[in-house]
Amino acid sequence: MSSNTVVKAAKNVVESGEGIARNVWLAGLGIYSRSLEEAQQLNEKSTTMFDELVERGKEVEIQAKECIGKNTEKATEEVEAGMNDLFYRLSGVDREKLERMDEKIDKLTQAVEKLAEAE
């Protein structure tokens, strides 16, 4: 082999190696660009999904508050009825009757105070 042939072969190997190295470099840039795009898409999707979940959560919260409010009212009524029943059993006096008597006493007290002022 002549030295010219060896030099040409070496140049071909170097040029081929440079081409391969350039292609590897470009492939790396392509991977970086693609992964960056996919990360941005995932970020957008996750933001959208998060916002949707927040809206659903607001709806569920409203429903839960309504349900809790209804159950609280019902529980309060049941406790009050139980207390009235217990009070009646212990005292023999109906709570509603006692409240009516209390109102009458208040009216009598006001009437007595007016009479006392008039004198």
PDB file of N, CA and C in Angstrom:
ATOM      1  N   MET A   1       0.837  -1.171   0.000  1.00  0.00           N
ATOM      2  CA  MET A   1       0.000   0.000   0.000  1.00  0.00           C
ATOM      3  C   MET A   1       0.877   1.227   0.000  1.00  0.00           C
ATOM      4  N   SER A   2       0.400   2.174  -0.709  1.00  0.00           N
ATOM      5  CA  SER A   2       1.189   3.397  -0.759  1.00  0.00           C
ATOM      6  C   SER A   2       0.756   4.328   0.355  1.00  0.00           C
ATOM      7  N   SER A   3       1.574   5.294   0.589  1.00  0.00           N
ATOM      8  CA  SER A   3       1.278   6.220   1.684  1.00  0.00           C
ATOM      9  C   SER A   3       0.058   7.055   1.346  1.00  0.00           C
ATOM     10  N   ASN A   4      -0.178   7.272   0.064  1.00  0.00           N
ATOM     11  CA  ASN A   4      -1.374   8.017  -0.349  1.00  0.00           C
ATOM     12  C   ASN A   4      -2.642   7.244   0.019  1.00  0.00           C
ATOM     13  N   THR A   5      -2.606   5.977  -0.196  1.00  0.00           N
ATOM     14  CA  THR A   5      -3.751   5.131   0.096  1.00  0.00           C
ATOM     15  C   THR A   5      -4.006   5.087   1.589  1.00  0.00           C
ATOM     16  N   VAL A   6      -2.940   5.011   2.373  1.00  0.00           N
ATOM     17  CA  VAL A   6      -3.073   4.994   3.828  1.00  0.00           C
ATOM     18  C   VAL A   6      -3.637   6.318   4.298  1.00  0.00           C
ATOM     19  N   VAL A   7      -3.175   7.409   3.756  1.00  0.00           N
ATOM     20  CA  VAL A   7      -3.662   8.740   4.149  1.00  0.00           C
ATOM     21  C   VAL A   7      -5.131   8.875   3.781  1.00  0.00           C
ATOM     22  N   LYS A   8      -5.489   8.404   2.574  1.00  0.00           N
ATOM     23  CA  LYS A   8      -6.894   8.480   2.164  1.00  0.00           C
ATOM     24  C   LYS A   8      -7.771   7.629   3.073  1.00  0.00           C
ATOM     25  N   ALA A   9      -7.299   6.445   3.407  1.00  0.00           N
ATOM     26  CA  ALA A   9      -8.058   5.566   4.289  1.00  0.00           C
ATOM     27  C   ALA A   9      -8.208   6.213   5.661  1.00  0.00           C
ATOM     28  N   ALA A  10      -7.149   6.852   6.161  1.00  0.00           N
ATOM     29  CA  ALA A  10      -7.200   7.520   7.464  1.00  0.00           C
ATOM     30  C   ALA A  10      -8.180   8.688   7.419  1.00  0.00           C
ATOM     31  N   LYS A  11      -8.148   9.438   6.305  1.00  0.00           N
ATOM     32  CA  LYS A  11      -9.083  10.560   6.160  1.00  0.00           C
ATOM     33  C   LYS A  11     -10.522  10.053   6.136  1.00  0.00           C
ATOM     34  N   ASN A  12     -10.758   8.939   5.430  1.00  0.00           N
ATOM     35  CA  ASN A  12     -12.105   8.366   5.372  1.00  0.00           C
ATOM     36  C   ASN A  12     -12.578   7.922   6.759  1.00  0.00           C
ATOM     37  N   VAL A  13     -11.686   7.311   7.525  1.00  0.00           N
ATOM     38  CA  VAL A  13     -12.035   6.882   8.882  1.00  0.00           C
ATOM     39  C   VAL A  13     -12.342   8.094   9.746  1.00  0.00           C
ATOM     40  N   VAL A  14     -11.518   9.138   9.648  1.00  0.00           N
ATOM     41  CA  VAL A  14     -11.717  10.353  10.450  1.00  0.00           C
ATOM     42  C   VAL A  14     -13.027  11.021  10.056  1.00  0.00           C
ATOM     43  N   GLU A  15     -13.261  11.135   8.747  1.00  0.00           N
ATOM     44  CA  GLU A  15     -14.497  11.771   8.279  1.00  0.00           C
ATOM     45  C   GLU A  15     -15.706  10.944   8.700  1.00  0.00           C
ATOM     46  N   SER A  16     -15.590   9.637   8.599  1.00  0.00           N
ATOM     47  CA  SER A  16     -16.670   8.758   9.006  1.00  0.00           C
ATOM     48  C   SER A  16     -16.915   8.897  10.515  1.00  0.00           C
ATOM     49  N   GLY A  17     -15.826   8.941  11.290  1.00  0.00           N
ATOM     50  CA  GLY A  17     -15.933   9.110  12.749  1.00  0.00           C
ATOM     51  C   GLY A  17     -16.544  10.455  13.096  1.00  0.00           C
ATOM     52  N   GLU A  18     -16.159  11.488  12.378  1.00  0.00           N
ATOM     53  CA  GLU A  18     -16.730  12.814  12.626  1.00  0.00           C
ATOM     54  C   GLU A  18     -18.220  12.824  12.304  1.00  0.00           C
ATOM     55  N   GLY A  19     -18.593  12.142  11.231  1.00  0.00           N
ATOM     56  CA  GLY A  19     -20.020  12.056  10.866  1.00  0.00           C
ATOM     57  C   GLY A  19     -20.816  11.325  11.934  1.00  0.00           C
ATOM     58  N   ILE A  20     -20.236  10.211  12.414  1.00  0.00           N
ATOM     59  CA  ILE A  20     -20.916   9.442  13.465  1.00  0.00           C
ATOM     60  C   ILE A  20     -21.006  10.286  14.740  1.00  0.00           C
ATOM     61  N   ALA A  21     -19.924  10.964  15.098  1.00  0.00           N
ATOM     62  CA  ALA A  21     -19.915  11.798  16.301  1.00  0.00           C
ATOM     63  C   ALA A  21     -20.934  12.925  16.174  1.00  0.00           C
ATOM     64  N   ARG A  22     -21.014  13.513  14.986  1.00  0.00           N
ATOM     65  CA  ARG A  22     -21.990  14.593  14.767  1.00  0.00           C
ATOM     66  C   ARG A  22     -23.414  14.045  14.898  1.00  0.00           C
ATOM     67  N   ASN A  23     -23.652  12.873  14.317  1.00  0.00           N
ATOM     68  CA  ASN A  23     -24.982  12.272  14.403  1.00  0.00           C
ATOM     69  C   ASN A  23     -25.343  11.935  15.853  1.00  0.00           C
ATOM     70  N   VAL A  24     -24.376  11.435  16.615  1.00  0.00           N
ATOM     71  CA  VAL A  24     -24.609  11.146  18.037  1.00  0.00           C
ATOM     72  C   VAL A  24     -24.950  12.442  18.768  1.00  0.00           C
ATOM     73  N   TRP A  25     -24.200  13.502  18.487  1.00  0.00           N
ATOM     74  CA  TRP A  25     -24.449  14.814  19.090  1.00  0.00           C
ATOM     75  C   TRP A  25     -25.860  15.301  18.747  1.00  0.00           C
ATOM     76  N   LEU A  26     -26.232  15.202  17.465  1.00  0.00           N
ATOM     77  CA  LEU A  26     -27.557  15.645  17.028  1.00  0.00           C
ATOM     78  C   LEU A  26     -28.662  14.794  17.656  1.00  0.00           C
ATOM     79  N   ALA A  27     -28.428  13.498  17.770  1.00  0.00           N
ATOM     80  CA  ALA A  27     -29.399  12.615  18.418  1.00  0.00           C
ATOM     81  C   ALA A  27     -29.574  13.019  19.884  1.00  0.00           C
ATOM     82  N   GLY A  28     -28.495  13.361  20.551  1.00  0.00           N
ATOM     83  CA  GLY A  28     -28.566  13.822  21.940  1.00  0.00           C
ATOM     84  C   GLY A  28     -29.385  15.098  22.058  1.00  0.00           C
ATOM     85  N   LEU A  29     -29.166  16.020  21.125  1.00  0.00           N
ATOM     86  CA  LEU A  29     -29.960  17.257  21.129  1.00  0.00           C
ATOM     87  C   LEU A  29     -31.436  16.957  20.867  1.00  0.00           C
ATOM     88  N   GLY A  30     -31.681  16.008  19.969  1.00  0.00           N
ATOM     89  CA  GLY A  30     -33.059  15.617  19.682  1.00  0.00           C
ATOM     90  C   GLY A  30     -33.739  15.025  20.902  1.00  0.00           C
ATOM     91  N   ILE A  31     -33.010  14.159  21.618  1.00  0.00           N
ATOM     92  CA  ILE A  31     -33.553  13.561  22.840  1.00  0.00           C
ATOM     93  C   ILE A  31     -33.864  14.646  23.867  1.00  0.00           C
ATOM     94  N   TYR A  32     -32.943  15.582  24.028  1.00  0.00           N
ATOM     95  CA  TYR A  32     -33.141  16.680  24.977  1.00  0.00           C
ATOM     96  C   TYR A  32     -34.387  17.487  24.598  1.00  0.00           C
ATOM     97  N   SER A  33     -34.502  17.835  23.306  1.00  0.00           N
ATOM     98  CA  SER A  33     -35.638  18.629  22.845  1.00  0.00           C
ATOM     99  C   SER A  33     -36.948  17.882  23.051  1.00  0.00           C
ATOM    100  N   ARG A  34     -36.971  16.615  22.706  1.00  0.00           N
ATOM    101  CA  ARG A  34     -38.189  15.814  22.842  1.00  0.00           C
ATOM    102  C   ARG A  34     -38.582  15.653  24.311  1.00  0.00           C
ATOM    103  N   SER A  35     -37.604  15.361  25.157  1.00  0.00           N
ATOM    104  CA  SER A  35     -37.925  15.189  26.582  1.00  0.00           C
ATOM    105  C   SER A  35     -38.405  16.502  27.186  1.00  0.00           C
ATOM    106  N   LEU A  36     -37.870  17.621  26.738  1.00  0.00           N
ATOM    107  CA  LEU A  36     -38.319  18.925  27.214  1.00  0.00           C
ATOM    108  C   LEU A  36     -39.769  19.166  26.796  1.00  0.00           C
ATOM    109  N   GLU A  37     -40.108  18.847  25.560  1.00  0.00           N
ATOM    110  CA  GLU A  37     -41.487  19.003  25.091  1.00  0.00           C
ATOM    111  C   GLU A  37     -42.440  18.111  25.878  1.00  0.00           C
ATOM    112  N   GLU A  38     -42.043  16.859  26.092  1.00  0.00           N
ATOM    113  CA  GLU A  38     -42.889  15.936  26.835  1.00  0.00           C
ATOM    114  C   GLU A  38     -43.062  16.382  28.278  1.00  0.00           C
ATOM    115  N   ALA A  39     -42.010  16.923  28.861  1.00  0.00           N
ATOM    116  CA  ALA A  39     -42.111  17.422  30.237  1.00  0.00           C
ATOM    117  C   ALA A  39     -43.082  18.594  30.305  1.00  0.00           C
ATOM    118  N   GLN A  40     -43.040  19.473  29.305  1.00  0.00           N
ATOM    119  CA  GLN A  40     -43.964  20.605  29.275  1.00  0.00           C
ATOM    120  C   GLN A  40     -45.403  20.122  29.098  1.00  0.00           C
ATOM    121  N   GLN A  41     -45.591  19.116  28.238  1.00  0.00           N
ATOM    122  CA  GLN A  41     -46.932  18.563  28.043  1.00  0.00           C
ATOM    123  C   GLN A  41     -47.441  17.925  29.334  1.00  0.00           C
ATOM    124  N   LEU A  42     -46.573  17.193  30.014  1.00  0.00           N
ATOM    125  CA  LEU A  42     -46.963  16.580  31.282  1.00  0.00           C
ATOM    126  C   LEU A  42     -47.315  17.643  32.314  1.00  0.00           C
ATOM    127  N   ASN A  43     -46.545  18.718  32.318  1.00  0.00           N
ATOM    128  CA  ASN A  43     -46.808  19.816  33.250  1.00  0.00           C
ATOM    129  C   ASN A  43     -48.173  20.425  32.960  1.00  0.00           C
ATOM    130  N   GLU A  44     -48.471  20.645  31.686  1.00  0.00           N
ATOM    131  CA  GLU A  44     -49.770  21.204  31.314  1.00  0.00           C
ATOM    132  C   GLU A  44     -50.896  20.247  31.691  1.00  0.00           C
ATOM    133  N   LYS A  45     -50.704  18.958  31.417  1.00  0.00           N
ATOM    134  CA  LYS A  45     -51.724  17.969  31.752  1.00  0.00           C
ATOM    135  C   LYS A  45     -51.939  17.904  33.256  1.00  0.00           C
ATOM    136  N   SER A  46     -50.839  17.911  34.013  1.00  0.00           N
ATOM    137  CA  SER A  46     -50.980  17.811  35.466  1.00  0.00           C
ATOM    138  C   SER A  46     -51.638  19.068  36.030  1.00  0.00           C
ATOM    139  N   THR A  47     -51.335  20.232  35.461  1.00  0.00           N
ATOM    140  CA  THR A  47     -51.981  21.465  35.910  1.00  0.00           C
ATOM    141  C   THR A  47     -53.470  21.414  35.613  1.00  0.00           C
ATOM    142  N   THR A  48     -53.811  20.964  34.412  1.00  0.00           N
ATOM    143  CA  THR A  48     -55.217  20.850  34.037  1.00  0.00           C
ATOM    144  C   THR A  48     -55.933  19.854  34.942  1.00  0.00           C
ATOM    145  N   MET A  49     -55.307  18.705  35.164  1.00  0.00           N
ATOM    146  CA  MET A  49     -55.915  17.689  36.012  1.00  0.00           C
ATOM    147  C   MET A  49     -56.084  18.211  37.436  1.00  0.00           C
ATOM    148  N   PHE A  50     -55.092  18.917  37.940  1.00  0.00           N
ATOM    149  CA  PHE A  50     -55.165  19.484  39.286  1.00  0.00           C
ATOM    150  C   PHE A  50     -56.343  20.449  39.382  1.00  0.00           C
ATOM    151  N   ASP A  51     -56.486  21.329  38.383  1.00  0.00           N
ATOM    152  CA  ASP A  51     -57.592  22.286  38.387  1.00  0.00           C
ATOM    153  C   ASP A  51     -58.942  21.571  38.352  1.00  0.00           C
ATOM    154  N   GLU A  52     -59.039  20.514  37.540  1.00  0.00           N
ATOM    155  CA  GLU A  52     -60.276  19.739  37.477  1.00  0.00           C
ATOM    156  C   GLU A  52     -60.578  19.087  38.826  1.00  0.00           C
ATOM    157  N   LEU A  53     -59.545  18.557  39.467  1.00  0.00           N
ATOM    158  CA  LEU A  53     -59.732  17.926  40.777  1.00  0.00           C
ATOM    159  C   LEU A  53     -60.163  18.943  41.833  1.00  0.00           C
ATOM    160  N   VAL A  54     -59.620  20.156  41.743  1.00  0.00           N
ATOM    161  CA  VAL A  54     -60.014  21.214  42.683  1.00  0.00           C
ATOM    162  C   VAL A  54     -61.500  21.532  42.504  1.00  0.00           C
ATOM    163  N   GLU A  55     -61.965  21.639  41.255  1.00  0.00           N
ATOM    164  CA  GLU A  55     -63.370  21.928  40.995  1.00  0.00           C
ATOM    165  C   GLU A  55     -64.258  20.799  41.514  1.00  0.00           C
ATOM    166  N   ARG A  56     -63.857  19.560  41.279  1.00  0.00           N
ATOM    167  CA  ARG A  56     -64.623  18.426  41.803  1.00  0.00           C
ATOM    168  C   ARG A  56     -64.655  18.461  43.322  1.00  0.00           C
ATOM    169  N   GLY A  57     -63.517  18.783  43.912  1.00  0.00           N
ATOM    170  CA  GLY A  57     -63.438  18.866  45.368  1.00  0.00           C
ATOM    171  C   GLY A  57     -64.384  19.920  45.923  1.00  0.00           C
ATOM    172  N   LYS A  58     -64.512  21.047  45.235  1.00  0.00           N
ATOM    173  CA  LYS A  58     -65.441  22.095  45.676  1.00  0.00           C
ATOM    174  C   LYS A  58     -66.876  21.582  45.661  1.00  0.00           C
ATOM    175  N   GLU A  59     -67.223  20.840  44.595  1.00  0.00           N
ATOM    176  CA  GLU A  59     -68.576  20.287  44.503  1.00  0.00           C
ATOM    177  C   GLU A  59     -68.837  19.291  45.628  1.00  0.00           C
ATOM    178  N   VAL A  60     -67.873  18.437  45.878  1.00  0.00           N
ATOM    179  CA  VAL A  60     -68.030  17.435  46.942  1.00  0.00           C
ATOM    180  C   VAL A  60     -68.119  18.119  48.299  1.00  0.00           C
ATOM    181  N   GLU A  61     -67.324  19.161  48.490  1.00  0.00           N
ATOM    182  CA  GLU A  61     -67.355  19.889  49.764  1.00  0.00           C
ATOM    183  C   GLU A  61     -68.733  20.494  50.012  1.00  0.00           C
ATOM    184  N   ILE A  62     -69.324  21.071  48.965  1.00  0.00           N
ATOM    185  CA  ILE A  62     -70.651  21.670  49.101  1.00  0.00           C
ATOM    186  C   ILE A  62     -71.669  20.598  49.478  1.00  0.00           C
ATOM    187  N   GLN A  63     -71.606  19.462  48.778  1.00  0.00           N
ATOM    188  CA  GLN A  63     -72.534  18.368  49.076  1.00  0.00           C
ATOM    189  C   GLN A  63     -72.323  17.855  50.500  1.00  0.00           C
ATOM    190  N   ALA A  64     -71.074  17.731  50.896  1.00  0.00           N
ATOM    191  CA  ALA A  64     -70.777  17.229  52.240  1.00  0.00           C
ATOM    192  C   ALA A  64     -71.299  18.192  53.305  1.00  0.00           C
ATOM    193  N   LYS A  65     -71.121  19.496  53.083  1.00  0.00           N
ATOM    194  CA  LYS A  65     -71.607  20.479  54.049  1.00  0.00           C
ATOM    195  C   LYS A  65     -73.126  20.425  54.168  1.00  0.00           C
ATOM    196  N   GLU A  66     -73.810  20.256  53.015  1.00  0.00           N
ATOM    197  CA  GLU A  66     -75.266  20.155  53.047  1.00  0.00           C
ATOM    198  C   GLU A  66     -75.696  18.917  53.830  1.00  0.00           C
ATOM    199  N   CYS A  67     -75.023  17.820  53.549  1.00  0.00           N
ATOM    200  CA  CYS A  67     -75.352  16.556  54.235  1.00  0.00           C
ATOM    201  C   CYS A  67     -75.084  16.675  55.729  1.00  0.00           C
ATOM    202  N   ILE A  68     -73.962  17.254  56.081  1.00  0.00           N
ATOM    203  CA  ILE A  68     -73.619  17.430  57.498  1.00  0.00           C
ATOM    204  C   ILE A  68     -74.632  18.354  58.168  1.00  0.00           C
ATOM    205  N   GLY A  69     -75.019  19.425  57.455  1.00  0.00           N
ATOM    206  CA  GLY A  69     -76.009  20.351  58.015  1.00  0.00           C
ATOM    207  C   GLY A  69     -77.327  19.657  58.294  1.00  0.00           C
ATOM    208  N   LYS A  70     -77.779  18.836  57.332  1.00  0.00           N
ATOM    209  CA  LYS A  70     -79.038  18.111  57.530  1.00  0.00           C
ATOM    210  C   LYS A  70     -78.918  17.125  58.685  1.00  0.00           C
ATOM    211  N   ASN A  71     -77.803  16.420  58.723  1.00  0.00           N
ATOM    212  CA  ASN A  71     -77.605  15.438  59.795  1.00  0.00           C
ATOM    213  C   ASN A  71     -77.472  16.114  61.150  1.00  0.00           C
ATOM    214  N   THR A  72     -76.850  17.285  61.175  1.00  0.00           N
ATOM    215  CA  THR A  72     -76.705  18.026  62.425  1.00  0.00           C
ATOM    216  C   THR A  72     -78.070  18.460  62.945  1.00  0.00           C
ATOM    217  N   GLU A  73     -78.904  18.974  62.019  1.00  0.00           N
ATOM    218  CA  GLU A  73     -80.250  19.386  62.423  1.00  0.00           C
ATOM    219  C   GLU A  73     -81.036  18.196  62.960  1.00  0.00           C
ATOM    220  N   LYS A  74     -80.954  17.084  62.243  1.00  0.00           N
ATOM    221  CA  LYS A  74     -81.676  15.885  62.657  1.00  0.00           C
ATOM    222  C   LYS A  74     -81.181  15.393  64.018  1.00  0.00           C
ATOM    223  N   ALA A  75     -79.854  15.383  64.193  1.00  0.00           N
ATOM    224  CA  ALA A  75     -79.276  14.936  65.462  1.00  0.00           C
ATOM    225  C   ALA A  75     -79.690  15.872  66.592  1.00  0.00           C
ATOM    226  N   THR A  76     -79.692  17.166  66.317  1.00  0.00           N
ATOM    227  CA  THR A  76     -80.087  18.142  67.333  1.00  0.00           C
ATOM    228  C   THR A  76     -81.541  17.914  67.747  1.00  0.00           C
ATOM    229  N   GLU A  77     -82.400  17.688  66.754  1.00  0.00           N
ATOM    230  CA  GLU A  77     -83.810  17.437  67.057  1.00  0.00           C
ATOM    231  C   GLU A  77     -83.979  16.169  67.881  1.00  0.00           C
ATOM    232  N   GLU A  78     -83.228  15.134  67.514  1.00  0.00           N
ATOM    233  CA  GLU A  78     -83.321  13.872  68.250  1.00  0.00           C
ATOM    234  C   GLU A  78     -82.822  14.023  69.683  1.00  0.00           C
ATOM    235  N   VAL A  79     -81.720  14.745  69.859  1.00  0.00           N
ATOM    236  CA  VAL A  79     -81.191  14.967  71.216  1.00  0.00           C
ATOM    237  C   VAL A  79     -82.181  15.789  72.030  1.00  0.00           C
ATOM    238  N   GLU A  80     -82.748  16.802  71.389  1.00  0.00           N
ATOM    239  CA  GLU A  80     -83.706  17.647  72.085  1.00  0.00           C
ATOM    240  C   GLU A  80     -84.946  16.840  72.492  1.00  0.00           C
ATOM    241  N   ALA A  81     -85.416  15.984  71.580  1.00  0.00           N
ATOM    242  CA  ALA A  81     -86.578  15.151  71.898  1.00  0.00           C
ATOM    243  C   ALA A  81     -86.238  14.203  73.051  1.00  0.00           C
ATOM    244  N   GLY A  82     -85.037  13.636  73.030  1.00  0.00           N
ATOM    245  CA  GLY A  82     -84.613  12.754  74.115  1.00  0.00           C
ATOM    246  C   GLY A  82     -84.530  13.482  75.444  1.00  0.00           C
ATOM    247  N   MET A  83     -84.013  14.706  75.408  1.00  0.00           N
ATOM    248  CA  MET A  83     -83.912  15.504  76.635  1.00  0.00           C
ATOM    249  C   MET A  83     -85.303  15.857  77.165  1.00  0.00           C
ATOM    250  N   ASN A  84     -86.213  16.208  76.236  1.00  0.00           N
ATOM    251  CA  ASN A  84     -87.583  16.522  76.655  1.00  0.00           C
ATOM    252  C   ASN A  84     -88.235  15.298  77.294  1.00  0.00           C
ATOM    253  N   ASP A  85     -88.030  14.146  76.684  1.00  0.00           N
ATOM    254  CA  ASP A  85     -88.586  12.912  77.226  1.00  0.00           C
ATOM    255  C   ASP A  85     -88.020  12.616  78.612  1.00  0.00           C
ATOM    256  N   LEU A  86     -86.703  12.767  78.755  1.00  0.00           N
ATOM    257  CA  LEU A  86     -86.053  12.528  80.043  1.00  0.00           C
ATOM    258  C   LEU A  86     -86.555  13.516  81.098  1.00  0.00           C
ATOM    259  N   PHE A  87     -86.680  14.779  80.699  1.00  0.00           N
ATOM    260  CA  PHE A  87     -87.170  15.809  81.613  1.00  0.00           C
ATOM    261  C   PHE A  87     -88.589  15.469  82.073  1.00  0.00           C
ATOM    262  N   TYR A  88     -89.422  15.030  81.131  1.00  0.00           N
ATOM    263  CA  TYR A  88     -90.797  14.668  81.471  1.00  0.00           C
ATOM    264  C   TYR A  88     -90.828  13.477  82.425  1.00  0.00           C
ATOM    265  N   ARG A  89     -89.980  12.494  82.164  1.00  0.00           N
ATOM    266  CA  ARG A  89     -89.938  11.316  83.034  1.00  0.00           C
ATOM    267  C   ARG A  89     -89.493  11.671  84.450  1.00  0.00           C
ATOM    268  N   LEU A  90     -88.518  12.567  84.546  1.00  0.00           N
ATOM    269  CA  LEU A  90     -87.996  12.924  85.864  1.00  0.00           C
ATOM    270  C   LEU A  90     -88.920  13.867  86.629  1.00  0.00           C
ATOM    271  N   SER A  91     -89.521  14.824  85.919  1.00  0.00           N
ATOM    272  CA  SER A  91     -90.307  15.846  86.613  1.00  0.00           C
ATOM    273  C   SER A  91     -91.814  15.651  86.486  1.00  0.00           C
ATOM    274  N   GLY A  92     -92.233  14.931  85.464  1.00  0.00           N
ATOM    275  CA  GLY A  92     -93.666  14.770  85.239  1.00  0.00           C
ATOM    276  C   GLY A  92     -94.271  15.980  84.565  1.00  0.00           C
ATOM    277  N   VAL A  93     -93.434  16.933  84.161  1.00  0.00           N
ATOM    278  CA  VAL A  93     -93.912  18.156  83.518  1.00  0.00           C
ATOM    279  C   VAL A  93     -93.482  18.133  82.055  1.00  0.00           C
ATOM    280  N   ASP A  94     -94.452  18.435  81.202  1.00  0.00           N
ATOM    281  CA  ASP A  94     -94.166  18.503  79.774  1.00  0.00           C
ATOM    282  C   ASP A  94     -93.396  19.793  79.478  1.00  0.00           C
ATOM    283  N   ARG A  95     -92.338  19.693  78.750  1.00  0.00           N
ATOM    284  CA  ARG A  95     -91.474  20.857  78.477  1.00  0.00           C
ATOM    285  C   ARG A  95     -92.229  21.955  77.731  1.00  0.00           C
ATOM    286  N   GLU A  96     -93.061  21.595  76.780  1.00  0.00           N
ATOM    287  CA  GLU A  96     -93.834  22.606  76.048  1.00  0.00           C
ATOM    288  C   GLU A  96     -94.789  23.333  76.996  1.00  0.00           C
ATOM    289  N   LYS A  97     -95.391  22.576  77.884  1.00  0.00           N
ATOM    290  CA  LYS A  97     -96.291  23.165  78.877  1.00  0.00           C
ATOM    291  C   LYS A  97     -95.510  24.127  79.774  1.00  0.00           C
ATOM    292  N   LEU A  98     -94.307  23.717  80.138  1.00  0.00           N
ATOM    293  CA  LEU A  98     -93.448  24.552  80.981  1.00  0.00           C
ATOM    294  C   LEU A  98     -93.078  25.846  80.250  1.00  0.00           C
ATOM    295  N   GLU A  99     -92.811  25.763  78.970  1.00  0.00           N
ATOM    296  CA  GLU A  99     -92.468  26.961  78.188  1.00  0.00           C
ATOM    297  C   GLU A  99     -93.665  27.900  78.092  1.00  0.00           C
ATOM    298  N   ARG A 100     -94.874  27.349  77.912  1.00  0.00           N
ATOM    299  CA  ARG A 100     -96.083  28.187  77.876  1.00  0.00           C
ATOM    300  C   ARG A 100     -96.293  28.882  79.226  1.00  0.00           C
ATOM    301  N   MET A 101     -96.041  28.142  80.308  1.00  0.00           N
ATOM    302  CA  MET A 101     -96.165  28.733  81.638  1.00  0.00           C
ATOM    303  C   MET A 101     -95.139  29.851  81.824  1.00  0.00           C
ATOM    304  N   ASP A 102     -93.934  29.632  81.309  1.00  0.00           N
ATOM    305  CA  ASP A 102     -92.873  30.637  81.406  1.00  0.00           C
ATOM    306  C   ASP A 102     -93.291  31.909  80.673  1.00  0.00           C
ATOM    307  N   GLU A 103     -93.916  31.765  79.504  1.00  0.00           N
ATOM    308  CA  GLU A 103     -94.391  32.924  78.749  1.00  0.00           C
ATOM    309  C   GLU A 103     -95.477  33.675  79.531  1.00  0.00           C
ATOM    310  N   LYS A 104     -96.384  32.926  80.136  1.00  0.00           N
ATOM    311  CA  LYS A 104     -97.448  33.548  80.939  1.00  0.00           C
ATOM    312  C   LYS A 104     -96.872  34.301  82.126  1.00  0.00           C
ATOM    313  N   ILE A 105     -95.867  33.709  82.764  1.00  0.00           N
ATOM    314  CA  ILE A 105     -95.220  34.373  83.911  1.00  0.00           C
ATOM    315  C   ILE A 105     -94.565  35.668  83.452  1.00  0.00           C
ATOM    316  N   ASP A 106     -93.906  35.636  82.275  1.00  0.00           N
ATOM    317  CA  ASP A 106     -93.283  36.856  81.753  1.00  0.00           C
ATOM    318  C   ASP A 106     -94.340  37.938  81.524  1.00  0.00           C
ATOM    319  N   LYS A 107     -95.499  37.560  80.972  1.00  0.00           N
ATOM    320  CA  LYS A 107     -96.570  38.537  80.733  1.00  0.00           C
ATOM    321  C   LYS A 107     -97.092  39.088  82.059  1.00  0.00           C
ATOM    322  N   LEU A 108     -97.291  38.228  83.028  1.00  0.00           N
ATOM    323  CA  LEU A 108     -97.749  38.675  84.352  1.00  0.00           C
ATOM    324  C   LEU A 108     -96.728  39.614  84.999  1.00  0.00           C
ATOM    325  N   THR A 109     -95.449  39.295  84.853  1.00  0.00           N
ATOM    326  CA  THR A 109     -94.392  40.143  85.419  1.00  0.00           C
ATOM    327  C   THR A 109     -94.444  41.526  84.789  1.00  0.00           C
ATOM    328  N   GLN A 110     -94.613  41.587  83.482  1.00  0.00           N
ATOM    329  CA  GLN A 110     -94.698  42.879  82.794  1.00  0.00           C
ATOM    330  C   GLN A 110     -95.930  43.667  83.269  1.00  0.00           C
ATOM    331  N   ALA A 111     -97.050  42.950  83.420  1.00  0.00           N
ATOM    332  CA  ALA A 111     -98.274  43.619  83.879  1.00  0.00           C
ATOM    333  C   ALA A 111     -98.097  44.173  85.287  1.00  0.00           C
ATOM    334  N   VAL A 112     -97.468  43.414  86.171  1.00  0.00           N
ATOM    335  CA  VAL A 112     -97.234  43.871  87.550  1.00  0.00           C
ATOM    336  C   VAL A 112     -96.303  45.071  87.546  1.00  0.00           C
ATOM    337  N   GLU A 113     -95.286  45.053  86.701  1.00  0.00           N
ATOM    338  CA  GLU A 113     -94.350  46.190  86.634  1.00  0.00           C
ATOM    339  C   GLU A 113     -95.061  47.442  86.148  1.00  0.00           C
ATOM    340  N   LYS A 114     -95.977  47.301  85.179  1.00  0.00           N
ATOM    341  CA  LYS A 114     -96.730  48.463  84.709  1.00  0.00           C
ATOM    342  C   LYS A 114     -97.616  49.012  85.813  1.00  0.00           C
ATOM    343  N   LEU A 115     -98.243  48.124  86.553  1.00  0.00           N
ATOM    344  CA  LEU A 115     -99.092  48.573  87.669  1.00  0.00           C
ATOM    345  C   LEU A 115     -98.275  49.270  88.741  1.00  0.00           C
ATOM    346  N   ALA A 116     -97.080  48.739  88.991  1.00  0.00           N
ATOM    347  CA  ALA A 116     -96.221  49.347  90.008  1.00  0.00           C
ATOM    348  C   ALA A 116     -95.767  50.733  89.550  1.00  0.00           C
ATOM    349  N   GLU A 117     -95.531  50.911  88.295  1.00  0.00           N
ATOM    350  CA  GLU A 117     -95.119  52.227  87.767  1.00  0.00           C
ATOM    351  C   GLU A 117     -96.284  53.226  87.827  1.00  0.00           C
ATOM    352  N   ALA A 118     -97.479  52.725  87.619  1.00  0.00           N
ATOM    353  CA  ALA A 118     -98.649  53.601  87.611  1.00  0.00           C
ATOM    354  C   ALA A 118     -98.944  54.152  89.001  1.00  0.00           C
ATOM    355  N   GLU A 119     -98.570  53.440  90.029  1.00  0.00           N
ATOM    356  CA  GLU A 119     -98.868  53.901  91.392  1.00  0.00           C
ATOM    357  C   GLU A 119     -97.970  54.957  91.798  1.00  0.00           C
TER     358      GLU A 119
END
